Amino acid sequence: MQSTALRTVARAFRFLKSIRLAVALIAWLAVSGAAATLVPQGEDGQFYRDRYPAPLASAMAAIGFTDFFRSWLFLAPAAVFFANLSTCAAARFLRQLRTRTPPCRP
């Protein structure tokens, strides 16, 4: 039972420290952030209904694109990216500690 749990933790650790995940998250944050800068943020619902077609305005409101930088579309990938960077840094730090030679003593 414990070996299954360890394998699951090891698999999650490998996933979190993968470069593919980092690249995908950076791409998502860059593309979605760039798109969000084109849409005025934080306005009331009527503003979006007047400015955009009704289906688009309601979709933007439903997914939180009208306040993008406070929505789950931005915060969840940003949190996963933070975990990715932290895991990569911790793995590199631990690898450096293991390969470091002890100081020479006279």
PDB file of N, CA and C in Angstrom:
ATOM      1  N   MET A   1       0.828  -1.201   0.000  1.00  0.00           N
ATOM      2  CA  MET A   1       0.000   0.000   0.000  1.00  0.00           C
ATOM      3  C   MET A   1       0.870   1.262   0.000  1.00  0.00           C
ATOM      4  N   GLN A   2       1.926   1.229   0.814  1.00  0.00           N
ATOM      5  CA  GLN A   2       2.790   2.397   0.900  1.00  0.00           C
ATOM      6  C   GLN A   2       3.549   2.614  -0.399  1.00  0.00           C
ATOM      7  N   SER A   3       3.930   1.546  -1.072  1.00  0.00           N
ATOM      8  CA  SER A   3       4.658   1.704  -2.327  1.00  0.00           C
ATOM      9  C   SER A   3       3.783   2.353  -3.390  1.00  0.00           C
ATOM     10  N   THR A   4       2.491   2.077  -3.375  1.00  0.00           N
ATOM     11  CA  THR A   4       1.574   2.721  -4.308  1.00  0.00           C
ATOM     12  C   THR A   4       1.480   4.211  -4.017  1.00  0.00           C
ATOM     13  N   ALA A   5       1.425   4.558  -2.748  1.00  0.00           N
ATOM     14  CA  ALA A   5       1.372   5.973  -2.372  1.00  0.00           C
ATOM     15  C   ALA A   5       2.666   6.681  -2.756  1.00  0.00           C
ATOM     16  N   LEU A   6       3.797   6.014  -2.546  1.00  0.00           N
ATOM     17  CA  LEU A   6       5.077   6.609  -2.921  1.00  0.00           C
ATOM     18  C   LEU A   6       5.184   6.791  -4.434  1.00  0.00           C
ATOM     19  N   ARG A   7       4.692   5.809  -5.179  1.00  0.00           N
ATOM     20  CA  ARG A   7       4.716   5.936  -6.642  1.00  0.00           C
ATOM     21  C   ARG A   7       3.846   7.097  -7.092  1.00  0.00           C
ATOM     22  N   THR A   8       2.708   7.270  -6.443  1.00  0.00           N
ATOM     23  CA  THR A   8       1.808   8.374  -6.790  1.00  0.00           C
ATOM     24  C   THR A   8       2.461   9.715  -6.489  1.00  0.00           C
ATOM     25  N   VAL A   9       3.111   9.818  -5.340  1.00  0.00           N
ATOM     26  CA  VAL A   9       3.799  11.059  -4.982  1.00  0.00           C
ATOM     27  C   VAL A   9       4.954  11.317  -5.944  1.00  0.00           C
ATOM     28  N   ALA A  10       5.698  10.274  -6.281  1.00  0.00           N
ATOM     29  CA  ALA A  10       6.817  10.432  -7.219  1.00  0.00           C
ATOM     30  C   ALA A  10       6.315  10.856  -8.595  1.00  0.00           C
ATOM     31  N   ARG A  11       5.213  10.270  -9.029  1.00  0.00           N
ATOM     32  CA  ARG A  11       4.634  10.638 -10.323  1.00  0.00           C
ATOM     33  C   ARG A  11       4.165  12.094 -10.307  1.00  0.00           C
ATOM     34  N   ALA A  12       3.532  12.526  -9.213  1.00  0.00           N
ATOM     35  CA  ALA A  12       3.088  13.918  -9.097  1.00  0.00           C
ATOM     36  C   ALA A  12       4.287  14.859  -9.063  1.00  0.00           C
ATOM     37  N   PHE A  13       5.354  14.465  -8.388  1.00  0.00           N
ATOM     38  CA  PHE A  13       6.561  15.285  -8.327  1.00  0.00           C
ATOM     39  C   PHE A  13       7.187  15.425  -9.711  1.00  0.00           C
ATOM     40  N   ARG A  14       7.272  14.310 -10.446  1.00  0.00           N
ATOM     41  CA  ARG A  14       7.812  14.375 -11.818  1.00  0.00           C
ATOM     42  C   ARG A  14       6.960  15.259 -12.703  1.00  0.00           C
ATOM     43  N   PHE A  15       5.636  15.151 -12.559  1.00  0.00           N
ATOM     44  CA  PHE A  15       4.738  15.992 -13.360  1.00  0.00           C
ATOM     45  C   PHE A  15       4.927  17.461 -13.030  1.00  0.00           C
ATOM     46  N   LEU A  16       5.015  17.777 -11.732  1.00  0.00           N
ATOM     47  CA  LEU A  16       5.146  19.176 -11.325  1.00  0.00           C
ATOM     48  C   LEU A  16       6.480  19.794 -11.730  1.00  0.00           C
ATOM     49  N   LYS A  17       7.528  18.982 -11.852  1.00  0.00           N
ATOM     50  CA  LYS A  17       8.816  19.561 -12.216  1.00  0.00           C
ATOM     51  C   LYS A  17       9.116  19.453 -13.711  1.00  0.00           C
ATOM     52  N   SER A  18       8.127  19.063 -14.518  1.00  0.00           N
ATOM     53  CA  SER A  18       8.390  18.888 -15.942  1.00  0.00           C
ATOM     54  C   SER A  18       8.461  20.238 -16.666  1.00  0.00           C
ATOM     55  N   ILE A  19       9.348  20.275 -17.627  1.00  0.00           N
ATOM     56  CA  ILE A  19       9.513  21.491 -18.422  1.00  0.00           C
ATOM     57  C   ILE A  19       8.325  21.666 -19.362  1.00  0.00           C
ATOM     58  N   ARG A  20       7.762  20.565 -19.824  1.00  0.00           N
ATOM     59  CA  ARG A  20       6.577  20.658 -20.694  1.00  0.00           C
ATOM     60  C   ARG A  20       5.437  21.371 -19.986  1.00  0.00           C
ATOM     61  N   LEU A  21       5.241  21.062 -18.723  1.00  0.00           N
ATOM     62  CA  LEU A  21       4.201  21.741 -17.950  1.00  0.00           C
ATOM     63  C   LEU A  21       4.506  23.222 -17.844  1.00  0.00           C
ATOM     64  N   ALA A  22       5.753  23.566 -17.571  1.00  0.00           N
ATOM     65  CA  ALA A  22       6.138  24.980 -17.454  1.00  0.00           C
ATOM     66  C   ALA A  22       5.892  25.716 -18.768  1.00  0.00           C
ATOM     67  N   VAL A  23       6.281  25.103 -19.884  1.00  0.00           N
ATOM     68  CA  VAL A  23       6.082  25.746 -21.189  1.00  0.00           C
ATOM     69  C   VAL A  23       4.599  25.915 -21.488  1.00  0.00           C
ATOM     70  N   ALA A  24       3.810  24.890 -21.201  1.00  0.00           N
ATOM     71  CA  ALA A  24       2.369  24.977 -21.448  1.00  0.00           C
ATOM     72  C   ALA A  24       1.730  26.069 -20.586  1.00  0.00           C
ATOM     73  N   LEU A  25       2.129  26.155 -19.324  1.00  0.00           N
ATOM     74  CA  LEU A  25       1.562  27.175 -18.438  1.00  0.00           C
ATOM     75  C   LEU A  25       1.991  28.578 -18.854  1.00  0.00           C
ATOM     76  N   ILE A  26       3.252  28.733 -19.241  1.00  0.00           N
ATOM     77  CA  ILE A  26       3.709  30.042 -19.706  1.00  0.00           C
ATOM     78  C   ILE A  26       2.946  30.447 -20.956  1.00  0.00           C
ATOM     79  N   ALA A  27       2.762  29.502 -21.872  1.00  0.00           N
ATOM     80  CA  ALA A  27       2.018  29.810 -23.103  1.00  0.00           C
ATOM     81  C   ALA A  27       0.583  30.195 -22.779  1.00  0.00           C
ATOM     82  N   TRP A  28      -0.070  29.431 -21.900  1.00  0.00           N
ATOM     83  CA  TRP A  28      -1.454  29.744 -21.532  1.00  0.00           C
ATOM     84  C   TRP A  28      -1.546  31.119 -20.887  1.00  0.00           C
ATOM     85  N   LEU A  29      -0.667  31.391 -19.933  1.00  0.00           N
ATOM     86  CA  LEU A  29      -0.711  32.677 -19.234  1.00  0.00           C
ATOM     87  C   LEU A  29      -0.411  33.833 -20.182  1.00  0.00           C
ATOM     88  N   ALA A  30       0.502  33.636 -21.119  1.00  0.00           N
ATOM     89  CA  ALA A  30       0.839  34.703 -22.063  1.00  0.00           C
ATOM     90  C   ALA A  30      -0.300  34.965 -23.043  1.00  0.00           C
ATOM     91  N   VAL A  31      -0.834  33.915 -23.639  1.00  0.00           N
ATOM     92  CA  VAL A  31      -1.891  34.086 -24.643  1.00  0.00           C
ATOM     93  C   VAL A  31      -3.177  34.599 -24.004  1.00  0.00           C
ATOM     94  N   SER A  32      -3.580  33.984 -22.901  1.00  0.00           N
ATOM     95  CA  SER A  32      -4.826  34.420 -22.266  1.00  0.00           C
ATOM     96  C   SER A  32      -4.671  35.805 -21.644  1.00  0.00           C
ATOM     97  N   GLY A  33      -3.500  36.099 -21.096  1.00  0.00           N
ATOM     98  CA  GLY A  33      -3.265  37.436 -20.542  1.00  0.00           C
ATOM     99  C   GLY A  33      -3.269  38.504 -21.618  1.00  0.00           C
ATOM    100  N   ALA A  34      -2.688  38.180 -22.772  1.00  0.00           N
ATOM    101  CA  ALA A  34      -2.702  39.132 -23.891  1.00  0.00           C
ATOM    102  C   ALA A  34      -4.127  39.362 -24.380  1.00  0.00           C
ATOM    103  N   ALA A  35      -4.909  38.289 -24.477  1.00  0.00           N
ATOM    104  CA  ALA A  35      -6.300  38.435 -24.896  1.00  0.00           C
ATOM    105  C   ALA A  35      -7.101  39.243 -23.870  1.00  0.00           C
ATOM    106  N   ALA A  36      -6.813  39.043 -22.593  1.00  0.00           N
ATOM    107  CA  ALA A  36      -7.544  39.763 -21.546  1.00  0.00           C
ATOM    108  C   ALA A  36      -7.233  41.253 -21.560  1.00  0.00           C
ATOM    109  N   THR A  37      -6.051  41.617 -22.023  1.00  0.00           N
ATOM    110  CA  THR A  37      -5.736  43.043 -22.071  1.00  0.00           C
ATOM    111  C   THR A  37      -6.513  43.761 -23.165  1.00  0.00           C
ATOM    112  N   LEU A  38      -7.039  43.005 -24.121  1.00  0.00           N
ATOM    113  CA  LEU A  38      -7.841  43.603 -25.191  1.00  0.00           C
ATOM    114  C   LEU A  38      -9.282  43.865 -24.766  1.00  0.00           C
ATOM    115  N   VAL A  39      -9.715  43.215 -23.704  1.00  0.00           N
ATOM    116  CA  VAL A  39     -11.080  43.361 -23.200  1.00  0.00           C
ATOM    117  C   VAL A  39     -11.031  44.249 -21.963  1.00  0.00           C
ATOM    118  N   PRO A  40     -11.808  45.323 -21.918  1.00  0.00           N
ATOM    119  CA  PRO A  40     -11.839  46.147 -20.709  1.00  0.00           C
ATOM    120  C   PRO A  40     -12.250  45.302 -19.502  1.00  0.00           C
ATOM    121  N   GLN A  41     -11.524  45.436 -18.423  1.00  0.00           N
ATOM    122  CA  GLN A  41     -11.735  44.599 -17.244  1.00  0.00           C
ATOM    123  C   GLN A  41     -12.523  45.350 -16.178  1.00  0.00           C
ATOM    124  N   GLY A  42     -13.345  44.598 -15.436  1.00  0.00           N
ATOM    125  CA  GLY A  42     -14.014  45.134 -14.264  1.00  0.00           C
ATOM    126  C   GLY A  42     -15.232  46.001 -14.508  1.00  0.00           C
ATOM    127  N   GLU A  43     -15.760  46.003 -15.715  1.00  0.00           N
ATOM    128  CA  GLU A  43     -16.964  46.793 -15.998  1.00  0.00           C
ATOM    129  C   GLU A  43     -18.208  46.004 -15.596  1.00  0.00           C
ATOM    130  N   ASP A  44     -19.356  46.695 -15.537  1.00  0.00           N
ATOM    131  CA  ASP A  44     -20.597  45.998 -15.208  1.00  0.00           C
ATOM    132  C   ASP A  44     -21.097  45.210 -16.422  1.00  0.00           C
ATOM    133  N   GLY A  45     -22.060  44.329 -16.190  1.00  0.00           N
ATOM    134  CA  GLY A  45     -22.570  43.453 -17.239  1.00  0.00           C
ATOM    135  C   GLY A  45     -23.165  44.181 -18.423  1.00  0.00           C
ATOM    136  N   GLN A  46     -23.821  45.296 -18.180  1.00  0.00           N
ATOM    137  CA  GLN A  46     -24.445  46.053 -19.264  1.00  0.00           C
ATOM    138  C   GLN A  46     -23.400  46.602 -20.239  1.00  0.00           C
ATOM    139  N   PHE A  47     -22.255  46.979 -19.735  1.00  0.00           N
ATOM    140  CA  PHE A  47     -21.175  47.476 -20.588  1.00  0.00           C
ATOM    141  C   PHE A  47     -20.799  46.437 -21.638  1.00  0.00           C
ATOM    142  N   TYR A  48     -20.657  45.178 -21.220  1.00  0.00           N
ATOM    143  CA  TYR A  48     -20.260  44.108 -22.142  1.00  0.00           C
ATOM    144  C   TYR A  48     -21.391  43.746 -23.091  1.00  0.00           C
ATOM    145  N   ARG A  49     -22.637  43.790 -22.605  1.00  0.00           N
ATOM    146  CA  ARG A  49     -23.774  43.498 -23.483  1.00  0.00           C
ATOM    147  C   ARG A  49     -23.933  44.561 -24.556  1.00  0.00           C
ATOM    148  N   ASP A  50     -23.616  45.810 -24.223  1.00  0.00           N
ATOM    149  CA  ASP A  50     -23.698  46.883 -25.216  1.00  0.00           C
ATOM    150  C   ASP A  50     -22.558  46.818 -26.229  1.00  0.00           C
ATOM    151  N   ARG A  51     -21.412  46.390 -25.802  1.00  0.00           N
ATOM    152  CA  ARG A  51     -20.222  46.447 -26.651  1.00  0.00           C
ATOM    153  C   ARG A  51     -19.985  45.189 -27.490  1.00  0.00           C
ATOM    154  N   TYR A  52     -20.414  44.026 -27.006  1.00  0.00           N
ATOM    155  CA  TYR A  52     -20.161  42.748 -27.670  1.00  0.00           C
ATOM    156  C   TYR A  52     -21.478  42.058 -28.005  1.00  0.00           C
ATOM    157  N   PRO A  53     -21.461  41.123 -28.959  1.00  0.00           N
ATOM    158  CA  PRO A  53     -22.677  40.344 -29.240  1.00  0.00           C
ATOM    159  C   PRO A  53     -23.130  39.595 -27.982  1.00  0.00           C
ATOM    160  N   ALA A  54     -24.432  39.412 -27.858  1.00  0.00           N
ATOM    161  CA  ALA A  54     -25.008  38.835 -26.639  1.00  0.00           C
ATOM    162  C   ALA A  54     -24.388  37.489 -26.260  1.00  0.00           C
ATOM    163  N   PRO A  55     -24.219  36.522 -27.196  1.00  0.00           N
ATOM    164  CA  PRO A  55     -23.623  35.244 -26.771  1.00  0.00           C
ATOM    165  C   PRO A  55     -22.186  35.401 -26.268  1.00  0.00           C
ATOM    166  N   LEU A  56     -21.420  36.269 -26.898  1.00  0.00           N
ATOM    167  CA  LEU A  56     -20.038  36.490 -26.472  1.00  0.00           C
ATOM    168  C   LEU A  56     -19.989  37.184 -25.113  1.00  0.00           C
ATOM    169  N   ALA A  57     -20.854  38.174 -24.923  1.00  0.00           N
ATOM    170  CA  ALA A  57     -20.881  38.894 -23.644  1.00  0.00           C
ATOM    171  C   ALA A  57     -21.270  37.963 -22.497  1.00  0.00           C
ATOM    172  N   SER A  58     -22.255  37.106 -22.721  1.00  0.00           N
ATOM    173  CA  SER A  58     -22.661  36.190 -21.652  1.00  0.00           C
ATOM    174  C   SER A  58     -21.603  35.124 -21.410  1.00  0.00           C
ATOM    175  N   ALA A  59     -20.915  34.674 -22.455  1.00  0.00           N
ATOM    176  CA  ALA A  59     -19.839  33.696 -22.272  1.00  0.00           C
ATOM    177  C   ALA A  59     -18.675  34.306 -21.505  1.00  0.00           C
ATOM    178  N   MET A  60     -18.320  35.543 -21.833  1.00  0.00           N
ATOM    179  CA  MET A  60     -17.232  36.206 -21.111  1.00  0.00           C
ATOM    180  C   MET A  60     -17.573  36.372 -19.636  1.00  0.00           C
ATOM    181  N   ALA A  61     -18.805  36.713 -19.344  1.00  0.00           N
ATOM    182  CA  ALA A  61     -19.219  36.870 -17.946  1.00  0.00           C
ATOM    183  C   ALA A  61     -19.257  35.520 -17.230  1.00  0.00           C
ATOM    184  N   ALA A  62     -19.708  34.475 -17.924  1.00  0.00           N
ATOM    185  CA  ALA A  62     -19.834  33.158 -17.304  1.00  0.00           C
ATOM    186  C   ALA A  62     -18.479  32.560 -16.926  1.00  0.00           C
ATOM    187  N   ILE A  63     -17.468  32.753 -17.757  1.00  0.00           N
ATOM    188  CA  ILE A  63     -16.164  32.153 -17.464  1.00  0.00           C
ATOM    189  C   ILE A  63     -15.244  33.085 -16.680  1.00  0.00           C
ATOM    190  N   GLY A  64     -15.668  34.306 -16.441  1.00  0.00           N
ATOM    191  CA  GLY A  64     -14.881  35.236 -15.647  1.00  0.00           C
ATOM    192  C   GLY A  64     -13.878  36.048 -16.442  1.00  0.00           C
ATOM    193  N   PHE A  65     -14.069  36.134 -17.746  1.00  0.00           N
ATOM    194  CA  PHE A  65     -13.110  36.858 -18.573  1.00  0.00           C
ATOM    195  C   PHE A  65     -13.238  38.366 -18.416  1.00  0.00           C
ATOM    196  N   THR A  66     -14.323  38.837 -17.811  1.00  0.00           N
ATOM    197  CA  THR A  66     -14.501  40.280 -17.616  1.00  0.00           C
ATOM    198  C   THR A  66     -13.678  40.807 -16.441  1.00  0.00           C
ATOM    199  N   ASP A  67     -13.205  39.912 -15.599  1.00  0.00           N
ATOM    200  CA  ASP A  67     -12.293  40.258 -14.507  1.00  0.00           C
ATOM    201  C   ASP A  67     -11.223  39.170 -14.469  1.00  0.00           C
ATOM    202  N   PHE A  68     -10.522  39.055 -15.573  1.00  0.00           N
ATOM    203  CA  PHE A  68      -9.655  37.910 -15.847  1.00  0.00           C
ATOM    204  C   PHE A  68      -8.588  37.691 -14.798  1.00  0.00           C
ATOM    205  N   PHE A  69      -7.909  38.717 -14.373  1.00  0.00           N
ATOM    206  CA  PHE A  69      -6.769  38.543 -13.486  1.00  0.00           C
ATOM    207  C   PHE A  69      -7.169  38.210 -12.054  1.00  0.00           C
ATOM    208  N   ARG A  70      -8.454  38.118 -11.789  1.00  0.00           N
ATOM    209  CA  ARG A  70      -8.965  37.632 -10.506  1.00  0.00           C
ATOM    210  C   ARG A  70      -9.793  36.365 -10.677  1.00  0.00           C
ATOM    211  N   SER A  71      -9.862  35.836 -11.888  1.00  0.00           N
ATOM    212  CA  SER A  71     -10.684  34.656 -12.156  1.00  0.00           C
ATOM    213  C   SER A  71      -9.844  33.384 -12.072  1.00  0.00           C
ATOM    214  N   TRP A  72     -10.530  32.245 -12.025  1.00  0.00           N
ATOM    215  CA  TRP A  72      -9.856  30.958 -11.956  1.00  0.00           C
ATOM    216  C   TRP A  72      -9.072  30.681 -13.235  1.00  0.00           C
ATOM    217  N   LEU A  73      -9.452  31.312 -14.351  1.00  0.00           N
ATOM    218  CA  LEU A  73      -8.722  31.116 -15.615  1.00  0.00           C
ATOM    219  C   LEU A  73      -7.287  31.613 -15.531  1.00  0.00           C
ATOM    220  N   PHE A  74      -7.032  32.555 -14.655  1.00  0.00           N
ATOM    221  CA  PHE A  74      -5.682  33.072 -14.462  1.00  0.00           C
ATOM    222  C   PHE A  74      -5.060  32.529 -13.170  1.00  0.00           C
ATOM    223  N   LEU A  75      -5.820  32.531 -12.078  1.00  0.00           N
ATOM    224  CA  LEU A  75      -5.257  32.189 -10.775  1.00  0.00           C
ATOM    225  C   LEU A  75      -4.863  30.716 -10.662  1.00  0.00           C
ATOM    226  N   ALA A  76      -5.661  29.814 -11.217  1.00  0.00           N
ATOM    227  CA  ALA A  76      -5.320  28.387 -11.135  1.00  0.00           C
ATOM    228  C   ALA A  76      -4.038  28.067 -11.900  1.00  0.00           C
ATOM    229  N   PRO A  77      -3.910  28.471 -13.179  1.00  0.00           N
ATOM    230  CA  PRO A  77      -2.634  28.207 -13.861  1.00  0.00           C
ATOM    231  C   PRO A  77      -1.452  28.929 -13.218  1.00  0.00           C
ATOM    232  N   ALA A  78      -1.669  30.114 -12.679  1.00  0.00           N
ATOM    233  CA  ALA A  78      -0.582  30.828 -12.009  1.00  0.00           C
ATOM    234  C   ALA A  78      -0.135  30.069 -10.753  1.00  0.00           C
ATOM    235  N   ALA A  79      -1.071  29.502 -10.014  1.00  0.00           N
ATOM    236  CA  ALA A  79      -0.727  28.723  -8.821  1.00  0.00           C
ATOM    237  C   ALA A  79       0.017  27.444  -9.201  1.00  0.00           C
ATOM    238  N   VAL A  80      -0.421  26.789 -10.265  1.00  0.00           N
ATOM    239  CA  VAL A  80       0.271  25.579 -10.717  1.00  0.00           C
ATOM    240  C   VAL A  80       1.667  25.940 -11.219  1.00  0.00           C
ATOM    241  N   PHE A  81       1.810  27.083 -11.897  1.00  0.00           N
ATOM    242  CA  PHE A  81       3.114  27.526 -12.361  1.00  0.00           C
ATOM    243  C   PHE A  81       4.038  27.815 -11.170  1.00  0.00           C
ATOM    244  N   PHE A  82       3.500  28.418 -10.125  1.00  0.00           N
ATOM    245  CA  PHE A  82       4.281  28.653  -8.911  1.00  0.00           C
ATOM    246  C   PHE A  82       4.745  27.331  -8.311  1.00  0.00           C
ATOM    247  N   ALA A  83       3.853  26.347  -8.259  1.00  0.00           N
ATOM    248  CA  ALA A  83       4.225  25.025  -7.742  1.00  0.00           C
ATOM    249  C   ALA A  83       5.282  24.384  -8.640  1.00  0.00           C
ATOM    250  N   ASN A  84       5.149  24.555  -9.944  1.00  0.00           N
ATOM    251  CA  ASN A  84       6.119  24.027 -10.898  1.00  0.00           C
ATOM    252  C   ASN A  84       7.499  24.636 -10.655  1.00  0.00           C
ATOM    253  N   LEU A  85       7.563  25.947 -10.534  1.00  0.00           N
ATOM    254  CA  LEU A  85       8.843  26.611 -10.291  1.00  0.00           C
ATOM    255  C   LEU A  85       9.446  26.211  -8.948  1.00  0.00           C
ATOM    256  N   SER A  86       8.612  26.109  -7.933  1.00  0.00           N
ATOM    257  CA  SER A  86       9.094  25.713  -6.608  1.00  0.00           C
ATOM    258  C   SER A  86       9.640  24.296  -6.626  1.00  0.00           C
ATOM    259  N   THR A  87       8.949  23.400  -7.299  1.00  0.00           N
ATOM    260  CA  THR A  87       9.389  22.014  -7.381  1.00  0.00           C
ATOM    261  C   THR A  87      10.697  21.904  -8.155  1.00  0.00           C
ATOM    262  N   CYS A  88      10.805  22.627  -9.262  1.00  0.00           N
ATOM    263  CA  CYS A  88      12.051  22.617 -10.045  1.00  0.00           C
ATOM    264  C   CYS A  88      13.214  23.157  -9.219  1.00  0.00           C
ATOM    265  N   ALA A  89      12.983  24.235  -8.504  1.00  0.00           N
ATOM    266  CA  ALA A  89      14.036  24.828  -7.683  1.00  0.00           C
ATOM    267  C   ALA A  89      14.448  23.886  -6.558  1.00  0.00           C
ATOM    268  N   ALA A  90      13.476  23.254  -5.907  1.00  0.00           N
ATOM    269  CA  ALA A  90      13.788  22.326  -4.817  1.00  0.00           C
ATOM    270  C   ALA A  90      14.566  21.121  -5.335  1.00  0.00           C
ATOM    271  N   ALA A  91      14.159  20.590  -6.474  1.00  0.00           N
ATOM    272  CA  ALA A  91      14.855  19.431  -7.047  1.00  0.00           C
ATOM    273  C   ALA A  91      16.288  19.797  -7.416  1.00  0.00           C
ATOM    274  N   ARG A  92      16.478  20.954  -7.984  1.00  0.00           N
ATOM    275  CA  ARG A  92      17.834  21.382  -8.351  1.00  0.00           C
ATOM    276  C   ARG A  92      18.693  21.613  -7.106  1.00  0.00           C
ATOM    277  N   PHE A  93      18.110  22.231  -6.094  1.00  0.00           N
ATOM    278  CA  PHE A  93      18.835  22.487  -4.849  1.00  0.00           C
ATOM    279  C   PHE A  93      19.259  21.170  -4.203  1.00  0.00           C
ATOM    280  N   LEU A  94      18.346  20.199  -4.140  1.00  0.00           N
ATOM    281  CA  LEU A  94      18.669  18.909  -3.535  1.00  0.00           C
ATOM    282  C   LEU A  94      19.736  18.178  -4.346  1.00  0.00           C
ATOM    283  N   ARG A  95      19.674  18.265  -5.658  1.00  0.00           N
ATOM    284  CA  ARG A  95      20.685  17.649  -6.515  1.00  0.00           C
ATOM    285  C   ARG A  95      22.052  18.290  -6.269  1.00  0.00           C
ATOM    286  N   GLN A  96      22.086  19.605  -6.110  1.00  0.00           N
ATOM    287  CA  GLN A  96      23.347  20.292  -5.839  1.00  0.00           C
ATOM    288  C   GLN A  96      23.917  19.895  -4.470  1.00  0.00           C
ATOM    289  N   LEU A  97      23.057  19.724  -3.494  1.00  0.00           N
ATOM    290  CA  LEU A  97      23.526  19.304  -2.169  1.00  0.00           C
ATOM    291  C   LEU A  97      24.142  17.910  -2.212  1.00  0.00           C
ATOM    292  N   ARG A  98      23.534  17.002  -2.985  1.00  0.00           N
ATOM    293  CA  ARG A  98      24.039  15.637  -3.074  1.00  0.00           C
ATOM    294  C   ARG A  98      25.380  15.552  -3.791  1.00  0.00           C
ATOM    295  N   THR A  99      25.578  16.380  -4.797  1.00  0.00           N
ATOM    296  CA  THR A  99      26.806  16.284  -5.596  1.00  0.00           C
ATOM    297  C   THR A  99      27.935  17.158  -5.062  1.00  0.00           C
ATOM    298  N   ARG A 100      27.655  17.941  -4.078  1.00  0.00           N
ATOM    299  CA  ARG A 100      28.679  18.829  -3.518  1.00  0.00           C
ATOM    300  C   ARG A 100      29.702  18.021  -2.754  1.00  0.00           C
ATOM    301  N   THR A 101      30.974  18.312  -2.991  1.00  0.00           N
ATOM    302  CA  THR A 101      32.044  17.610  -2.280  1.00  0.00           C
ATOM    303  C   THR A 101      32.298  18.314  -0.956  1.00  0.00           C
ATOM    304  N   PRO A 102      32.656  17.569   0.049  1.00  0.00           N
ATOM    305  CA  PRO A 102      32.929  18.202   1.350  1.00  0.00           C
ATOM    306  C   PRO A 102      34.215  19.038   1.262  1.00  0.00           C
ATOM    307  N   PRO A 103      34.334  20.056   2.089  1.00  0.00           N
ATOM    308  CA  PRO A 103      35.526  20.899   2.049  1.00  0.00           C
ATOM    309  C   PRO A 103      36.754  20.107   2.483  1.00  0.00           C
ATOM    310  N   CYS A 104      37.896  20.479   1.929  1.00  0.00           N
ATOM    311  CA  CYS A 104      39.159  19.834   2.285  1.00  0.00           C
ATOM    312  C   CYS A 104      39.605  20.271   3.671  1.00  0.00           C
ATOM    313  N   ARG A 105      40.043  19.296   4.446  1.00  0.00           N
ATOM    314  CA  ARG A 105      40.546  19.613   5.792  1.00  0.00           C
ATOM    315  C   ARG A 105      42.033  19.345   5.821  1.00  0.00           C
ATOM    316  N   PRO A 106      42.795  20.260   6.408  1.00  0.00           N
ATOM    317  CA  PRO A 106      44.266  20.041   6.472  1.00  0.00           C
ATOM    318  C   PRO A 106      44.678  18.945   7.423  1.00  0.00           C
TER     319      PRO A 106
END
